[in-house]
C-alpha cells in the first residue's frame, strides 16, 4: 500500500502539469446534443441539504453502491462458494476494473446525449438484471462467472460519474465539489452494508442468492426513483425564489 500510494502520488503530480483552465467556449456542450436539465443556479451545501432532491439522490446512490461494493468485498468467498476455478477468479479480478473504468466513459457519454435521469434508469435496470444473472447463471460456470461479474461492474461504475454530474447540473457547478462530497459519503455507508451485511446474510442462510436477489431489488428500486426524479421540478435557491416573487409582485403592480 505504501508503494501504491507513492506511485499514485507521482502520477497525480505528473498529470497535474498538463491541466489548464479551459479557453472561452472550449468546455461548452453543443445545445443540440446535450439533454441536461439545469436552472443554472448555484447552491451552497446548506441550501442543497434543504432540498428533497438531495436526499432522493443520496438514497439512490447508496442503493446502487451496495451491489457493486458487495461483489468487490466478497468476490473470493463468492468464487469459492460457486466452485469457480482459481484461473477464472484471476481473469475476473483483471477484467472487473476494466469494465468498471469503461463504464465511466461510456455511460458519461450516453448521459450527455440522453440526460442523466434517463441514463440512470437504463443503467440501473441493467445492474438489476446483472446481479440476478450472477445468482442464476454463474454458479459452477467459469465463463458465465466472468461474464456476469463484468456486466455487474459495467453497470455499476457509472454511479460515480452520473451522480457527480447530476449534482453539478441540479445544484450548480460553483460548489459542485463540496456538494458532491456530501453525496459521496453514501459510498461509505454502502460499503458497510454491502460488505458486512452481505457476509452476515450468507452465514445465516448458507447461500448468496438472498444477497443478490436483495441487491437486484434495490437496483430496480433505484431505477424507479430515477423515474420519479425525472418528473420532479428542479429546485430553486432561496435567493432565486425571493427574486421570482419580487418580480411577480412588480409585474402585478405594473399591470
C-alpha atoms as a PDB file:
ATOM      1  CA  UNK A   1       0.000   0.000   0.000  1.00  0.00           C
ATOM      2  CA  UNK A   2       2.915   2.341   0.693  1.00  0.00           C
ATOM      3  CA  UNK A   3       4.413   1.727  -2.755  1.00  0.00           C
ATOM      4  CA  UNK A   4       0.989   2.095  -4.395  1.00  0.00           C
ATOM      5  CA  UNK A   5       0.429   5.396  -2.613  1.00  0.00           C
ATOM      6  CA  UNK A   6       3.838   6.710  -3.678  1.00  0.00           C
ATOM      7  CA  UNK A   7       3.255   5.704  -7.316  1.00  0.00           C
ATOM      8  CA  UNK A   8      -0.199   7.282  -7.360  1.00  0.00           C
ATOM      9  CA  UNK A   9       1.171  10.485  -5.853  1.00  0.00           C
ATOM     10  CA  UNK A  10       3.865  10.726  -8.527  1.00  0.00           C
ATOM     11  CA  UNK A  11       1.378  10.031 -11.309  1.00  0.00           C
ATOM     12  CA  UNK A  12      -1.022  12.679  -9.978  1.00  0.00           C
ATOM     13  CA  UNK A  13       1.766  15.252  -9.797  1.00  0.00           C
ATOM     14  CA  UNK A  14       2.846  14.450 -13.375  1.00  0.00           C
ATOM     15  CA  UNK A  15      -0.710  14.534 -14.708  1.00  0.00           C
ATOM     16  CA  UNK A  16      -1.382  17.845 -12.948  1.00  0.00           C
ATOM     17  CA  UNK A  17       1.307  19.519 -15.066  1.00  0.00           C
ATOM     18  CA  UNK A  18      -0.922  19.119 -18.129  1.00  0.00           C
ATOM     19  CA  UNK A  19      -4.007  20.692 -16.519  1.00  0.00           C
ATOM     20  CA  UNK A  20      -5.065  24.197 -17.525  1.00  0.00           C
ATOM     21  CA  UNK A  21      -8.168  26.325 -17.426  1.00  0.00           C
ATOM     22  CA  UNK A  22     -10.400  25.889 -20.488  1.00  0.00           C
ATOM     23  CA  UNK A  23     -10.393  28.667 -23.040  1.00  0.00           C
ATOM     24  CA  UNK A  24     -13.627  30.639 -23.569  1.00  0.00           C
ATOM     25  CA  UNK A  25     -16.191  28.370 -25.213  1.00  0.00           C
ATOM     26  CA  UNK A  26     -13.869  25.346 -25.163  1.00  0.00           C
ATOM     27  CA  UNK A  27     -15.770  23.445 -22.476  1.00  0.00           C
ATOM     28  CA  UNK A  28     -19.231  24.333 -23.754  1.00  0.00           C
ATOM     29  CA  UNK A  29     -21.524  21.481 -24.768  1.00  0.00           C
ATOM     30  CA  UNK A  30     -23.447  21.865 -28.001  1.00  0.00           C
ATOM     31  CA  UNK A  31     -27.090  22.664 -27.082  1.00  0.00           C
ATOM     32  CA  UNK A  32     -28.376  20.472 -29.883  1.00  0.00           C
ATOM     33  CA  UNK A  33     -26.706  17.392 -28.393  1.00  0.00           C
ATOM     34  CA  UNK A  34     -26.899  17.976 -24.650  1.00  0.00           C
ATOM     35  CA  UNK A  35     -30.053  16.971 -22.791  1.00  0.00           C
ATOM     36  CA  UNK A  36     -29.126  18.255 -19.384  1.00  0.00           C
ATOM     37  CA  UNK A  37     -31.701  19.704 -17.016  1.00  0.00           C
ATOM     38  CA  UNK A  38     -30.337  22.710 -15.147  1.00  0.00           C
ATOM     39  CA  UNK A  39     -31.626  26.032 -13.858  1.00  0.00           C
ATOM     40  CA  UNK A  40     -28.147  27.491 -13.838  1.00  0.00           C
ATOM     41  CA  UNK A  41     -28.285  28.332 -10.126  1.00  0.00           C
ATOM     42  CA  UNK A  42     -25.506  27.670  -7.625  1.00  0.00           C
ATOM     43  CA  UNK A  43     -26.457  26.083  -4.302  1.00  0.00           C
ATOM     44  CA  UNK A  44     -24.311  26.145  -1.214  1.00  0.00           C
ATOM     45  CA  UNK A  45     -24.131  22.859   0.723  1.00  0.00           C
ATOM     46  CA  UNK A  46     -26.565  24.175   3.340  1.00  0.00           C
ATOM     47  CA  UNK A  47     -29.043  25.153   0.640  1.00  0.00           C
ATOM     48  CA  UNK A  48     -28.659  21.800  -1.074  1.00  0.00           C
ATOM     49  CA  UNK A  49     -29.310  19.936   2.181  1.00  0.00           C
ATOM     50  CA  UNK A  50     -32.691  21.647   2.431  1.00  0.00           C
ATOM     51  CA  UNK A  51     -33.922  20.143  -0.833  1.00  0.00           C
ATOM     52  CA  UNK A  52     -35.803  16.880  -1.371  1.00  0.00           C
ATOM     53  CA  UNK A  53     -33.681  16.213  -4.445  1.00  0.00           C
ATOM     54  CA  UNK A  54     -30.505  15.738  -2.408  1.00  0.00           C
ATOM     55  CA  UNK A  55     -31.992  13.059  -0.148  1.00  0.00           C
ATOM     56  CA  UNK A  56     -33.514  11.209  -3.079  1.00  0.00           C
ATOM     57  CA  UNK A  57     -30.137  11.267  -4.834  1.00  0.00           C
ATOM     58  CA  UNK A  58     -28.405  10.146  -1.628  1.00  0.00           C
ATOM     59  CA  UNK A  59     -30.754   7.176  -1.267  1.00  0.00           C
ATOM     60  CA  UNK A  60     -30.311   6.231  -4.916  1.00  0.00           C
ATOM     61  CA  UNK A  61     -26.517   6.420  -4.736  1.00  0.00           C
ATOM     62  CA  UNK A  62     -26.466   4.389  -1.522  1.00  0.00           C
ATOM     63  CA  UNK A  63     -28.710   1.710  -3.017  1.00  0.00           C
ATOM     64  CA  UNK A  64     -26.631   1.443  -6.180  1.00  0.00           C
ATOM     65  CA  UNK A  65     -23.404   1.319  -4.208  1.00  0.00           C
ATOM     66  CA  UNK A  66     -24.470  -1.728  -2.212  1.00  0.00           C
ATOM     67  CA  UNK A  67     -24.488  -4.246  -5.078  1.00  0.00           C
ATOM     68  CA  UNK A  68     -21.114  -3.377  -6.577  1.00  0.00           C
ATOM     69  CA  UNK A  69     -19.349  -2.960  -3.245  1.00  0.00           C
ATOM     70  CA  UNK A  70     -20.809  -6.252  -2.048  1.00  0.00           C
ATOM     71  CA  UNK A  71     -19.304  -8.083  -5.014  1.00  0.00           C
ATOM     72  CA  UNK A  72     -15.994  -6.265  -4.574  1.00  0.00           C
ATOM     73  CA  UNK A  73     -15.738  -7.180  -0.884  1.00  0.00           C
ATOM     74  CA  UNK A  74     -16.896 -10.802  -1.228  1.00  0.00           C
ATOM     75  CA  UNK A  75     -15.506 -11.837  -4.625  1.00  0.00           C
ATOM     76  CA  UNK A  76     -13.120 -14.537  -3.360  1.00  0.00           C
ATOM     77  CA  UNK A  77     -15.641 -16.177  -0.962  1.00  0.00           C
ATOM     78  CA  UNK A  78     -18.254 -15.917  -3.721  1.00  0.00           C
ATOM     79  CA  UNK A  79     -15.998 -17.746  -6.181  1.00  0.00           C
ATOM     80  CA  UNK A  80     -15.273 -20.463  -3.641  1.00  0.00           C
ATOM     81  CA  UNK A  81     -18.973 -20.938  -2.938  1.00  0.00           C
ATOM     82  CA  UNK A  82     -19.772 -21.107  -6.662  1.00  0.00           C
ATOM     83  CA  UNK A  83     -16.984 -23.689  -7.270  1.00  0.00           C
ATOM     84  CA  UNK A  84     -15.124 -21.333  -9.598  1.00  0.00           C
ATOM     85  CA  UNK A  85     -11.549 -22.151 -10.567  1.00  0.00           C
ATOM     86  CA  UNK A  86      -8.615 -20.029  -9.463  1.00  0.00           C
ATOM     87  CA  UNK A  87      -7.847 -19.169 -13.097  1.00  0.00           C
ATOM     88  CA  UNK A  88     -11.372 -17.845 -13.680  1.00  0.00           C
ATOM     89  CA  UNK A  89     -11.203 -15.811 -10.477  1.00  0.00           C
ATOM     90  CA  UNK A  90      -7.911 -14.283 -11.628  1.00  0.00           C
ATOM     91  CA  UNK A  91      -9.424 -13.355 -15.001  1.00  0.00           C
ATOM     92  CA  UNK A  92     -12.460 -11.842 -13.284  1.00  0.00           C
ATOM     93  CA  UNK A  93     -10.218  -9.836 -10.978  1.00  0.00           C
ATOM     94  CA  UNK A  94      -8.412  -8.479 -14.046  1.00  0.00           C
ATOM     95  CA  UNK A  95     -11.487  -7.730 -16.162  1.00  0.00           C
ATOM     96  CA  UNK A  96     -13.690  -6.217 -13.463  1.00  0.00           C
ATOM     97  CA  UNK A  97     -11.648  -2.992 -13.043  1.00  0.00           C
ATOM     98  CA  UNK A  98     -11.533  -2.621 -16.844  1.00  0.00           C
ATOM     99  CA  UNK A  99     -15.315  -2.963 -17.063  1.00  0.00           C
ATOM    100  CA  UNK A 100     -15.661  -0.529 -14.168  1.00  0.00           C
ATOM    101  CA  UNK A 101     -13.426   2.040 -15.863  1.00  0.00           C
ATOM    102  CA  UNK A 102     -15.061   1.591 -19.264  1.00  0.00           C
ATOM    103  CA  UNK A 103     -18.478   2.166 -17.750  1.00  0.00           C
ATOM    104  CA  UNK A 104     -17.481   5.641 -16.565  1.00  0.00           C
ATOM    105  CA  UNK A 105     -16.532   6.791 -20.036  1.00  0.00           C
ATOM    106  CA  UNK A 106     -19.400   5.122 -21.871  1.00  0.00           C
ATOM    107  CA  UNK A 107     -22.268   5.962 -19.508  1.00  0.00           C
ATOM    108  CA  UNK A 108     -20.980   9.510 -19.087  1.00  0.00           C
ATOM    109  CA  UNK A 109     -21.105   9.934 -22.866  1.00  0.00           C
ATOM    110  CA  UNK A 110     -24.586   8.419 -23.007  1.00  0.00           C
ATOM    111  CA  UNK A 111     -25.847  10.720 -20.261  1.00  0.00           C
ATOM    112  CA  UNK A 112     -24.689  13.791 -22.196  1.00  0.00           C
ATOM    113  CA  UNK A 113     -26.985  12.738 -25.035  1.00  0.00           C
ATOM    114  CA  UNK A 114     -29.922  11.091 -23.232  1.00  0.00           C
ATOM    115  CA  UNK A 115     -29.881  13.068 -19.982  1.00  0.00           C
ATOM    116  CA  UNK A 116     -28.788  11.962 -16.516  1.00  0.00           C
ATOM    117  CA  UNK A 117     -32.100  10.540 -15.334  1.00  0.00           C
ATOM    118  CA  UNK A 118     -32.789   8.511 -18.489  1.00  0.00           C
ATOM    119  CA  UNK A 119     -29.292   7.067 -18.366  1.00  0.00           C
ATOM    120  CA  UNK A 120     -29.728   6.179 -14.700  1.00  0.00           C
ATOM    121  CA  UNK A 121     -32.940   4.313 -15.477  1.00  0.00           C
ATOM    122  CA  UNK A 122     -31.277   2.249 -18.203  1.00  0.00           C
ATOM    123  CA  UNK A 123     -28.053   1.545 -16.296  1.00  0.00           C
ATOM    124  CA  UNK A 124     -29.785   0.696 -13.027  1.00  0.00           C
ATOM    125  CA  UNK A 125     -32.141  -1.752 -14.744  1.00  0.00           C
ATOM    126  CA  UNK A 126     -29.158  -3.434 -16.406  1.00  0.00           C
ATOM    127  CA  UNK A 127     -27.492  -3.608 -12.990  1.00  0.00           C
ATOM    128  CA  UNK A 128     -30.565  -5.303 -11.551  1.00  0.00           C
ATOM    129  CA  UNK A 129     -30.539  -7.930 -14.309  1.00  0.00           C
ATOM    130  CA  UNK A 130     -26.764  -8.379 -13.987  1.00  0.00           C
ATOM    131  CA  UNK A 131     -26.995  -9.059 -10.259  1.00  0.00           C
ATOM    132  CA  UNK A 132     -29.730 -11.613 -10.859  1.00  0.00           C
ATOM    133  CA  UNK A 133     -27.598 -13.290 -13.540  1.00  0.00           C
ATOM    134  CA  UNK A 134     -24.789 -13.872 -11.042  1.00  0.00           C
ATOM    135  CA  UNK A 135     -27.075 -15.865  -8.754  1.00  0.00           C
ATOM    136  CA  UNK A 136     -28.897 -17.698 -11.560  1.00  0.00           C
ATOM    137  CA  UNK A 137     -26.167 -18.376 -14.137  1.00  0.00           C
ATOM    138  CA  UNK A 138     -22.717 -18.029 -12.577  1.00  0.00           C
ATOM    139  CA  UNK A 139     -22.595 -20.960 -10.078  1.00  0.00           C
ATOM    140  CA  UNK A 140     -20.463 -23.779 -11.467  1.00  0.00           C
ATOM    141  CA  UNK A 141     -19.556 -21.993 -14.704  1.00  0.00           C
ATOM    142  CA  UNK A 142     -16.218 -20.210 -15.046  1.00  0.00           C
ATOM    143  CA  UNK A 143     -17.189 -18.411 -18.264  1.00  0.00           C
ATOM    144  CA  UNK A 144     -20.572 -17.204 -17.019  1.00  0.00           C
ATOM    145  CA  UNK A 145     -18.993 -16.153 -13.734  1.00  0.00           C
ATOM    146  CA  UNK A 146     -16.544 -13.909 -15.598  1.00  0.00           C
ATOM    147  CA  UNK A 147     -19.186 -12.510 -17.973  1.00  0.00           C
ATOM    148  CA  UNK A 148     -21.834 -11.862 -15.315  1.00  0.00           C
ATOM    149  CA  UNK A 149     -19.403 -10.116 -12.991  1.00  0.00           C
ATOM    150  CA  UNK A 150     -18.045  -7.958 -15.814  1.00  0.00           C
ATOM    151  CA  UNK A 151     -21.623  -6.918 -16.579  1.00  0.00           C
ATOM    152  CA  UNK A 152     -22.200  -6.087 -12.905  1.00  0.00           C
ATOM    153  CA  UNK A 153     -19.147  -3.820 -12.864  1.00  0.00           C
ATOM    154  CA  UNK A 154     -20.014  -2.249 -16.214  1.00  0.00           C
ATOM    155  CA  UNK A 155     -23.470  -1.291 -14.943  1.00  0.00           C
ATOM    156  CA  UNK A 156     -22.164  -0.173 -11.540  1.00  0.00           C
ATOM    157  CA  UNK A 157     -19.124   2.025 -12.245  1.00  0.00           C
ATOM    158  CA  UNK A 158     -21.285   4.738 -13.815  1.00  0.00           C
ATOM    159  CA  UNK A 159     -22.696   5.547 -10.373  1.00  0.00           C
ATOM    160  CA  UNK A 160     -19.664   7.697  -9.575  1.00  0.00           C
ATOM    161  CA  UNK A 161     -19.946   9.569 -12.862  1.00  0.00           C
ATOM    162  CA  UNK A 162     -23.672  10.147 -13.156  1.00  0.00           C
ATOM    163  CA  UNK A 163     -24.210  11.344  -9.603  1.00  0.00           C
ATOM    164  CA  UNK A 164     -21.248  13.712  -9.724  1.00  0.00           C
ATOM    165  CA  UNK A 165     -22.614  15.146 -12.971  1.00  0.00           C
ATOM    166  CA  UNK A 166     -26.197  15.495 -11.797  1.00  0.00           C
ATOM    167  CA  UNK A 167     -25.073  17.304  -8.644  1.00  0.00           C
ATOM    168  CA  UNK A 168     -23.416  19.919 -10.849  1.00  0.00           C
ATOM    169  CA  UNK A 169     -26.488  20.065 -13.104  1.00  0.00           C
ATOM    170  CA  UNK A 170     -29.078  20.404 -10.346  1.00  0.00           C
ATOM    171  CA  UNK A 171     -27.130  22.353  -7.721  1.00  0.00           C
ATOM    172  CA  UNK A 172     -24.707  24.322  -9.891  1.00  0.00           C
ATOM    173  CA  UNK A 173     -21.022  23.978 -10.731  1.00  0.00           C
ATOM    174  CA  UNK A 174     -19.604  26.642  -8.395  1.00  0.00           C
ATOM    175  CA  UNK A 175     -19.898  24.487  -5.255  1.00  0.00           C
ATOM    176  CA  UNK A 176     -20.055  21.125  -7.048  1.00  0.00           C
ATOM    177  CA  UNK A 177     -17.024  19.649  -5.254  1.00  0.00           C
ATOM    178  CA  UNK A 178     -18.302  20.497  -1.774  1.00  0.00           C
ATOM    179  CA  UNK A 179     -21.846  19.435  -2.636  1.00  0.00           C
ATOM    180  CA  UNK A 180     -20.734  16.134  -4.127  1.00  0.00           C
ATOM    181  CA  UNK A 181     -18.682  15.438  -1.015  1.00  0.00           C
ATOM    182  CA  UNK A 182     -21.906  15.188   0.988  1.00  0.00           C
ATOM    183  CA  UNK A 183     -23.425  12.849  -1.586  1.00  0.00           C
ATOM    184  CA  UNK A 184     -20.264  10.758  -1.882  1.00  0.00           C
ATOM    185  CA  UNK A 185     -20.466   9.867   1.815  1.00  0.00           C
ATOM    186  CA  UNK A 186     -23.170   7.381   0.777  1.00  0.00           C
ATOM    187  CA  UNK A 187     -20.374   5.163  -0.554  1.00  0.00           C
ATOM    188  CA  UNK A 188     -19.031   4.661   2.956  1.00  0.00           C
ATOM    189  CA  UNK A 189     -22.444   3.661   4.239  1.00  0.00           C
ATOM    190  CA  UNK A 190     -22.964   1.348   1.250  1.00  0.00           C
ATOM    191  CA  UNK A 191     -19.594  -0.328   1.843  1.00  0.00           C
ATOM    192  CA  UNK A 192     -20.646  -1.245   5.395  1.00  0.00           C
ATOM    193  CA  UNK A 193     -23.935  -2.695   4.192  1.00  0.00           C
ATOM    194  CA  UNK A 194     -22.529  -4.289   1.032  1.00  0.00           C
ATOM    195  CA  UNK A 195     -19.587  -5.891   2.778  1.00  0.00           C
ATOM    196  CA  UNK A 196     -20.602  -6.660   6.343  1.00  0.00           C
ATOM    197  CA  UNK A 197     -24.313  -7.307   5.914  1.00  0.00           C
ATOM    198  CA  UNK A 198     -23.799  -9.465   2.820  1.00  0.00           C
ATOM    199  CA  UNK A 199     -21.358 -11.701   4.686  1.00  0.00           C
ATOM    200  CA  UNK A 200     -23.729 -11.927   7.650  1.00  0.00           C
ATOM    201  CA  UNK A 201     -26.661 -12.908   5.414  1.00  0.00           C
ATOM    202  CA  UNK A 202     -24.545 -15.585   3.749  1.00  0.00           C
ATOM    203  CA  UNK A 203     -23.535 -17.011   7.123  1.00  0.00           C
ATOM    204  CA  UNK A 204     -27.165 -17.038   8.266  1.00  0.00           C
ATOM    205  CA  UNK A 205     -28.683 -18.543   5.110  1.00  0.00           C
ATOM    206  CA  UNK A 206     -25.786 -20.515   3.627  1.00  0.00           C
ATOM    207  CA  UNK A 207     -26.436 -19.083   0.158  1.00  0.00           C
ATOM    208  CA  UNK A 208     -25.615 -15.947  -1.807  1.00  0.00           C
ATOM    209  CA  UNK A 209     -28.996 -15.957  -3.547  1.00  0.00           C
ATOM    210  CA  UNK A 210     -30.732 -13.836  -0.935  1.00  0.00           C
ATOM    211  CA  UNK A 211     -27.903 -11.305  -1.156  1.00  0.00           C
ATOM    212  CA  UNK A 212     -28.050 -10.979  -4.943  1.00  0.00           C
ATOM    213  CA  UNK A 213     -31.844 -11.031  -5.092  1.00  0.00           C
ATOM    214  CA  UNK A 214     -31.946  -8.293  -2.486  1.00  0.00           C
ATOM    215  CA  UNK A 215     -29.320  -6.203  -4.298  1.00  0.00           C
ATOM    216  CA  UNK A 216     -31.136  -6.650  -7.606  1.00  0.00           C
ATOM    217  CA  UNK A 217     -34.337  -5.439  -5.974  1.00  0.00           C
ATOM    218  CA  UNK A 218     -32.520  -2.399  -4.628  1.00  0.00           C
ATOM    219  CA  UNK A 219     -31.125  -1.596  -8.083  1.00  0.00           C
ATOM    220  CA  UNK A 220     -34.607  -1.880  -9.580  1.00  0.00           C
ATOM    221  CA  UNK A 221     -35.916   0.438  -6.859  1.00  0.00           C
ATOM    222  CA  UNK A 222     -33.190   2.958  -7.735  1.00  0.00           C
ATOM    223  CA  UNK A 223     -34.360   2.881 -11.368  1.00  0.00           C
ATOM    224  CA  UNK A 224     -37.902   3.654 -10.222  1.00  0.00           C
ATOM    225  CA  UNK A 225     -36.556   6.521  -8.119  1.00  0.00           C
ATOM    226  CA  UNK A 226     -34.754   7.863 -11.186  1.00  0.00           C
ATOM    227  CA  UNK A 227     -38.110   7.934 -12.975  1.00  0.00           C
ATOM    228  CA  UNK A 228     -39.513   9.914 -10.065  1.00  0.00           C
ATOM    229  CA  UNK A 229     -36.520  12.260 -10.101  1.00  0.00           C
ATOM    230  CA  UNK A 230     -37.013  12.931 -13.799  1.00  0.00           C
ATOM    231  CA  UNK A 231     -40.611  14.008 -13.161  1.00  0.00           C
ATOM    232  CA  UNK A 232     -39.689  16.363 -10.312  1.00  0.00           C
ATOM    233  CA  UNK A 233     -39.246  20.060 -10.981  1.00  0.00           C
ATOM    234  CA  UNK A 234     -35.721  21.329 -10.427  1.00  0.00           C
ATOM    235  CA  UNK A 235     -35.182  23.076  -7.076  1.00  0.00           C
ATOM    236  CA  UNK A 236     -34.530  26.794  -6.843  1.00  0.00           C
ATOM    237  CA  UNK A 237     -32.235  28.574  -4.426  1.00  0.00           C
ATOM    238  CA  UNK A 238     -33.943  30.671  -1.717  1.00  0.00           C
ATOM    239  CA  UNK A 239     -32.478  33.825  -3.263  1.00  0.00           C
ATOM    240  CA  UNK A 240     -33.818  32.898  -6.681  1.00  0.00           C
ATOM    241  CA  UNK A 241     -37.245  32.147  -5.222  1.00  0.00           C
ATOM    242  CA  UNK A 242     -37.277  35.523  -3.482  1.00  0.00           C
ATOM    243  CA  UNK A 243     -36.344  37.294  -6.695  1.00  0.00           C
ATOM    244  CA  UNK A 244     -39.076  35.433  -8.530  1.00  0.00           C
ATOM    245  CA  UNK A 245     -41.723  36.518  -6.015  1.00  0.00           C
ATOM    246  CA  UNK A 246     -40.435  40.087  -6.156  1.00  0.00           C
ATOM    247  CA  UNK A 247     -40.572  40.111  -9.939  1.00  0.00           C
ATOM    248  CA  UNK A 248     -44.120  38.754  -9.903  1.00  0.00           C
ATOM    249  CA  UNK A 249     -45.186  41.467  -7.445  1.00  0.00           C
ATOM    250  CA  UNK A 250     -43.542  44.144  -9.584  1.00  0.00           C
ATOM    251  CA  UNK A 251     -45.259  42.856 -12.696  1.00  0.00           C
ATOM    252  CA  UNK A 252     -48.603  42.804 -10.889  1.00  0.00           C
ATOM    253  CA  UNK A 253     -48.078  46.387  -9.703  1.00  0.00           C
ATOM    254  CA  UNK A 254     -47.263  47.491 -13.230  1.00  0.00           C
ATOM    255  CA  UNK A 255     -50.318  45.739 -14.608  1.00  0.00           C
END
